[in-house]
């Protein structure tokens, strides 16, 4: 049965009885910006109609409370640029650079002639491995995932929150690799970040009340490929998926009155858990 309500011009799935006091477009609670009289839509605010509040209050907000940016792929482009720069460096410097940057727990590396790994104090590998690729198909596949899925997630969260999600997804993937994989098993690639974005995309779809059947199919197929293809670090994929989903859950469901405190506090807690796991695993290996 039709409710008779209009649908938000930015979020067609959201019914609303509120309209912009300036242009009269229907707007949902996520899009409305408080004005001196009523509410205005993000477009009118962006075009400088004025709301009677301080300039910062005029900024339209994402579903997670971040600022709506003109370029919805700004951080994604930077992340792809970092991956591209590292990939070119690998092509120029060769395997030695890969040996120095990939994720490995604790092992003797004959190419470097020394013990290497996170347990040996090389914690940077937890992050450098997430932007490291050695083969062109692997690089292109991950960059395509970043561009497509990241392009959907970044505008929903805002730049800062999106960057945090990518960082913690990649780190969580590396931490699960470190915890579960053999200490001398190397791994590399941005797949942990990509799977973190997949987890975040699923959470956002649920928050937007989209049909979850195609989303569940997408996640299921991604995991099926993870566990059926050879030479795939399932630990990195699963760790990234869990980390991204957890961060996204906190980002979009945090209570508005304590939004930043809950969001950044939860991210800090996940970081502390990851670091605690790394310390415990290192103590067990050395």
Protein backbone atom coordinates (compact mmCIF):
# COMPACT_ATOMS: atom_id res chain seq x y z
CA UNK A 1 0.00 0.00 0.00
CA UNK A 2 1.36 3.43 -0.92
CA UNK A 3 2.01 5.69 2.07
CA UNK A 4 1.48 8.88 0.10
CA UNK A 5 4.86 10.26 1.24
CA UNK A 6 7.45 11.64 -1.16
CA UNK A 7 10.88 10.08 -1.62
CA UNK A 8 14.15 11.89 -0.89
CA UNK A 9 15.72 13.27 -4.06
CA UNK A 10 19.15 11.94 -3.01
CA UNK A 11 18.01 8.65 -1.46
CA UNK A 12 15.01 7.37 -3.46
CA UNK A 13 14.49 4.47 -1.05
CA UNK A 14 13.78 6.86 1.88
CA UNK A 15 10.26 8.19 2.35
CA UNK A 16 9.92 11.66 3.82
CA UNK A 17 7.37 14.37 4.53
CA UNK A 18 10.01 17.12 4.75
CA UNK A 19 10.82 19.49 1.89
CA UNK A 20 13.59 22.04 1.40
CA UNK A 21 12.28 25.47 2.39
CA UNK A 22 14.11 27.02 -0.58
CA UNK A 23 13.63 24.69 -3.56
CA UNK A 24 10.92 22.40 -2.09
CA UNK A 25 12.68 19.17 -3.04
CA UNK A 26 11.82 16.28 -0.64
CA UNK A 27 14.68 15.52 1.77
CA UNK A 28 15.20 12.71 4.30
CA UNK A 29 16.70 13.19 7.80
CA UNK A 30 20.19 12.33 6.52
CA UNK A 31 20.08 15.16 3.96
CA UNK A 32 18.27 17.96 5.78
CA UNK A 33 20.38 20.86 7.03
CA UNK A 34 18.84 23.01 9.74
CA UNK A 35 18.11 26.56 8.58
CA UNK A 36 16.79 29.64 10.37
CA UNK A 37 13.36 28.53 9.20
CA UNK A 38 12.83 24.84 8.49
CA UNK A 39 15.39 22.75 6.65
CA UNK A 40 17.34 23.06 3.42
CA UNK A 41 18.72 20.44 1.05
CA UNK A 42 22.48 19.92 0.48
CA UNK A 43 22.28 21.49 -3.00
CA UNK A 44 20.84 24.77 -1.70
CA UNK A 45 23.35 24.85 1.14
CA UNK A 46 26.23 24.13 -1.26
CA UNK A 47 25.06 26.93 -3.54
CA UNK A 48 25.24 29.43 -0.70
CA UNK A 49 21.62 30.04 0.18
CA UNK A 50 22.52 30.54 3.82
CA UNK A 51 20.92 28.89 6.86
CA UNK A 52 21.48 31.42 9.60
CA UNK A 53 24.18 29.30 11.27
CA UNK A 54 27.97 29.31 11.35
CA UNK A 55 29.65 28.29 8.06
CA UNK A 56 30.53 24.85 9.41
CA UNK A 57 26.90 24.14 10.19
CA UNK A 58 25.98 24.70 6.55
CA UNK A 59 27.97 21.67 5.42
CA UNK A 60 25.76 18.77 4.29
CA UNK A 61 26.68 15.52 6.02
CA UNK A 62 27.01 11.91 4.94
CA UNK A 63 25.13 9.08 6.61
CA UNK A 64 28.12 8.68 8.95
CA UNK A 65 28.38 12.38 9.79
CA UNK A 66 31.25 13.25 7.45
CA UNK A 67 31.25 16.23 5.12
CA UNK A 68 29.87 15.73 1.64
CA UNK A 69 32.74 16.35 -0.79
CA UNK A 70 32.54 17.35 -4.44
CA UNK A 71 34.95 14.53 -5.39
CA UNK A 72 33.55 11.30 -3.97
CA UNK A 73 36.66 9.32 -4.90
CA UNK A 74 39.38 11.64 -3.57
CA UNK A 75 40.84 9.20 -1.00
CA UNK A 76 40.30 6.27 -3.34
CA UNK A 77 42.39 8.02 -6.01
CA UNK A 78 45.17 8.66 -3.49
CA UNK A 79 45.11 5.02 -2.41
CA UNK A 80 45.26 3.81 -6.00
CA UNK A 81 48.10 6.27 -6.65
CA UNK A 82 50.08 4.83 -3.72
CA UNK A 83 49.55 1.29 -5.02
CA UNK A 84 50.62 2.37 -8.51
CA UNK A 85 53.77 4.08 -7.20
CA UNK A 86 54.77 1.00 -5.21
CA UNK A 87 54.03 -1.27 -8.19
CA UNK A 88 56.26 0.83 -10.45
CA UNK A 89 58.98 0.78 -7.78
CA UNK A 90 58.76 -3.03 -7.71
CA UNK A 91 59.11 -3.18 -11.51
CA UNK A 92 62.23 -1.00 -11.28
CA UNK A 93 63.86 -2.43 -8.14
CA UNK A 94 62.85 -6.07 -8.57
CA UNK A 95 62.27 -8.87 -6.07
CA UNK A 96 64.50 -7.41 -3.39
CA UNK A 97 62.00 -4.63 -2.71
CA UNK A 98 59.20 -7.21 -2.52
CA UNK A 99 61.23 -9.19 0.03
CA UNK A 100 61.59 -6.06 2.16
CA UNK A 101 57.91 -5.05 2.06
CA UNK A 102 55.70 -8.12 1.93
CA UNK A 103 53.91 -9.54 4.92
CA UNK A 104 55.85 -12.31 6.67
CA UNK A 105 55.77 -13.36 10.31
CA UNK A 106 59.27 -14.63 11.07
CA UNK A 107 61.73 -16.37 8.74
CA UNK A 108 65.25 -16.43 7.38
CA UNK A 109 65.34 -14.73 4.00
CA UNK A 110 68.24 -16.05 1.89
CA UNK A 111 67.86 -13.16 -0.56
CA UNK A 112 68.46 -10.64 2.25
CA UNK A 113 70.72 -12.96 4.25
CA UNK A 114 69.01 -12.30 7.57
CA UNK A 115 66.01 -13.01 9.78
CA UNK A 116 63.02 -10.93 8.76
CA UNK A 117 59.41 -10.47 9.72
CA UNK A 118 57.00 -8.72 12.02
CA UNK A 119 58.28 -10.74 14.97
CA UNK A 120 61.75 -9.34 14.25
CA UNK A 121 60.44 -5.81 14.79
CA UNK A 122 59.47 -5.05 11.19
CA UNK A 123 55.94 -3.95 12.03
CA UNK A 124 55.79 -1.78 8.93
CA UNK A 125 55.16 -4.97 6.92
CA UNK A 126 51.62 -5.06 8.33
CA UNK A 127 50.83 -2.00 6.20
CA UNK A 128 53.37 -1.99 3.35
CA UNK A 129 52.12 -5.40 2.25
CA UNK A 130 48.63 -3.94 1.73
CA UNK A 131 49.82 -1.68 -1.13
CA UNK A 132 52.29 -4.16 -2.63
CA UNK A 133 51.73 -6.12 -5.86
CA UNK A 134 54.06 -8.17 -8.00
CA UNK A 135 51.89 -9.32 -10.91
CA UNK A 136 49.89 -7.14 -13.31
CA UNK A 137 46.59 -9.12 -13.14
CA UNK A 138 46.68 -9.05 -9.32
CA UNK A 139 47.33 -5.31 -9.33
CA UNK A 140 44.63 -4.52 -11.90
CA UNK A 141 42.01 -6.69 -10.18
CA UNK A 142 42.56 -5.03 -6.80
CA UNK A 143 42.63 -1.52 -8.25
CA UNK A 144 39.37 -2.21 -10.09
CA UNK A 145 37.86 -3.33 -6.78
CA UNK A 146 39.09 -0.19 -5.04
CA UNK A 147 37.70 2.05 -7.77
CA UNK A 148 34.26 0.44 -8.03
CA UNK A 149 33.52 -0.48 -4.41
CA UNK A 150 35.49 2.40 -2.91
CA UNK A 151 33.64 4.77 -5.21
CA UNK A 152 30.38 3.61 -3.60
CA UNK A 153 31.58 3.61 0.01
CA UNK A 154 33.67 6.81 0.21
CA UNK A 155 30.81 9.26 -0.55
CA UNK A 156 28.67 7.54 2.09
CA UNK A 157 31.23 7.86 4.88
CA UNK A 158 33.23 10.99 4.06
CA UNK A 159 36.95 11.21 3.51
CA UNK A 160 38.31 10.88 7.06
CA UNK A 161 36.06 8.00 8.08
CA UNK A 162 36.65 6.24 4.78
CA UNK A 163 40.42 6.55 5.16
CA UNK A 164 40.17 5.07 8.67
CA UNK A 165 38.10 2.18 7.36
CA UNK A 166 40.66 1.40 4.63
CA UNK A 167 43.55 1.60 7.09
CA UNK A 168 41.93 -0.66 9.69
CA UNK A 169 40.67 -3.13 7.06
CA UNK A 170 44.15 -3.57 5.63
CA UNK A 171 45.71 -3.81 9.09
CA UNK A 172 43.12 -6.33 10.32
CA UNK A 173 43.75 -8.50 7.27
CA UNK A 174 47.49 -8.49 7.93
CA UNK A 175 46.95 -9.22 11.63
CA UNK A 176 44.84 -12.30 10.89
CA UNK A 177 47.51 -13.48 8.44
CA UNK A 178 50.13 -13.01 11.15
CA UNK A 179 48.04 -14.85 13.72
CA UNK A 180 46.92 -17.86 11.65
CA UNK A 181 49.36 -18.39 8.78
CA UNK A 182 52.70 -20.12 9.00
CA UNK A 183 55.34 -17.70 10.20
CA UNK A 184 57.40 -18.16 7.04
CA UNK A 185 54.46 -17.76 4.62
CA UNK A 186 54.68 -14.44 2.73
CA UNK A 187 51.66 -12.55 1.41
CA UNK A 188 50.98 -9.25 -0.32
CA UNK A 189 48.22 -7.25 -2.00
CA UNK A 190 45.41 -4.78 -1.34
CA UNK A 191 42.80 -7.53 -1.10
CA UNK A 192 42.34 -6.96 2.63
CA UNK A 193 41.30 -3.37 1.95
CA UNK A 194 39.05 -4.42 -0.92
CA UNK A 195 37.29 -6.98 1.27
CA UNK A 196 36.98 -4.37 4.00
CA UNK A 197 35.13 -2.21 1.48
CA UNK A 198 32.92 -5.18 0.59
CA UNK A 199 32.02 -5.55 4.27
CA UNK A 200 31.32 -1.82 4.53
CA UNK A 201 29.21 -1.88 1.38
CA UNK A 202 27.04 -4.63 2.86
CA UNK A 203 26.55 -2.64 6.08
CA UNK A 204 25.64 0.51 4.14
CA UNK A 205 23.16 -1.42 2.00
CA UNK A 206 21.49 -2.71 5.16
CA UNK A 207 21.43 0.79 6.64
CA UNK A 208 19.82 2.15 3.47
CA UNK A 209 17.27 -0.69 3.55
CA UNK A 210 18.28 -1.99 0.13
CA UNK A 211 17.39 -5.46 -1.05
CA UNK A 212 20.06 -7.56 0.67
CA UNK A 213 19.75 -10.61 -1.58
CA UNK A 214 22.11 -9.35 -4.33
CA UNK A 215 24.46 -8.00 -1.66
CA UNK A 216 24.56 -11.36 0.12
CA UNK A 217 25.17 -13.07 -3.24
CA UNK A 218 28.05 -10.69 -3.97
CA UNK A 219 29.67 -11.29 -0.58
CA UNK A 220 29.12 -15.04 -0.87
CA UNK A 221 30.70 -15.23 -4.33
CA UNK A 222 33.67 -13.16 -3.14
CA UNK A 223 34.25 -15.58 -0.27
CA UNK A 224 33.73 -18.60 -2.55
CA UNK A 225 36.48 -17.36 -4.85
CA UNK A 226 38.66 -16.74 -1.81
CA UNK A 227 38.44 -20.34 -0.62
CA UNK A 228 38.48 -22.10 -4.00
CA UNK A 229 41.29 -20.33 -5.87
CA UNK A 230 44.91 -21.27 -5.35
CA UNK A 231 47.53 -18.95 -3.86
CA UNK A 232 44.93 -16.79 -2.13
CA UNK A 233 45.45 -15.58 1.43
CA UNK A 234 41.99 -16.24 2.84
CA UNK A 235 43.17 -14.85 6.17
CA UNK A 236 43.79 -11.42 4.65
CA UNK A 237 40.41 -11.44 2.92
CA UNK A 238 38.45 -12.56 5.98
CA UNK A 239 40.35 -10.26 8.34
CA UNK A 240 39.74 -7.30 6.05
CA UNK A 241 36.06 -8.19 5.62
CA UNK A 242 35.50 -8.38 9.38
CA UNK A 243 37.47 -5.21 10.09
CA UNK A 244 35.67 -3.21 7.40
CA UNK A 245 32.24 -4.42 8.46
CA UNK A 246 32.90 -3.60 12.13
CA UNK A 247 34.15 -0.10 11.35
CA UNK A 248 31.22 0.59 9.03
CA UNK A 249 28.71 -0.66 11.63
CA UNK A 250 30.04 1.83 14.16
CA UNK A 251 30.23 4.63 11.60
CA UNK A 252 26.62 4.44 10.43
CA UNK A 253 24.87 3.34 13.62
CA UNK A 254 26.65 5.55 16.18
CA UNK A 255 24.17 7.76 18.08
CA UNK A 256 24.14 11.23 16.54
CA UNK A 257 24.62 13.08 19.85
CA UNK A 258 27.88 11.18 20.58
CA UNK A 259 28.76 10.24 17.04
CA UNK A 260 32.44 11.22 16.87
CA UNK A 261 33.26 9.88 20.31
CA UNK A 262 31.72 6.49 19.53
CA UNK A 263 33.15 6.27 16.01
CA UNK A 264 36.74 7.21 16.79
CA UNK A 265 36.67 5.40 20.13
CA UNK A 266 35.60 2.18 18.43
CA UNK A 267 38.31 2.59 15.76
CA UNK A 268 40.85 3.08 18.55
CA UNK A 269 39.59 -0.07 20.26
CA UNK A 270 39.94 -2.13 17.08
CA UNK A 271 43.45 -0.76 16.61
CA UNK A 272 44.30 -1.72 20.20
CA UNK A 273 42.96 -5.26 19.65
CA UNK A 274 45.02 -5.63 16.47
CA UNK A 275 48.17 -4.42 18.20
CA UNK A 276 47.52 -6.71 21.15
CA UNK A 277 47.28 -9.70 18.81
CA UNK A 278 50.54 -8.69 17.12
CA UNK A 279 52.34 -8.41 20.47
CA UNK A 280 51.04 -11.80 21.65
CA UNK A 281 51.94 -13.52 18.37
CA UNK A 282 55.41 -11.95 18.34
CA UNK A 283 56.06 -13.15 21.89
CA UNK A 284 55.08 -16.67 20.85
CA UNK A 285 57.36 -16.69 17.80
CA UNK A 286 60.55 -15.19 19.16
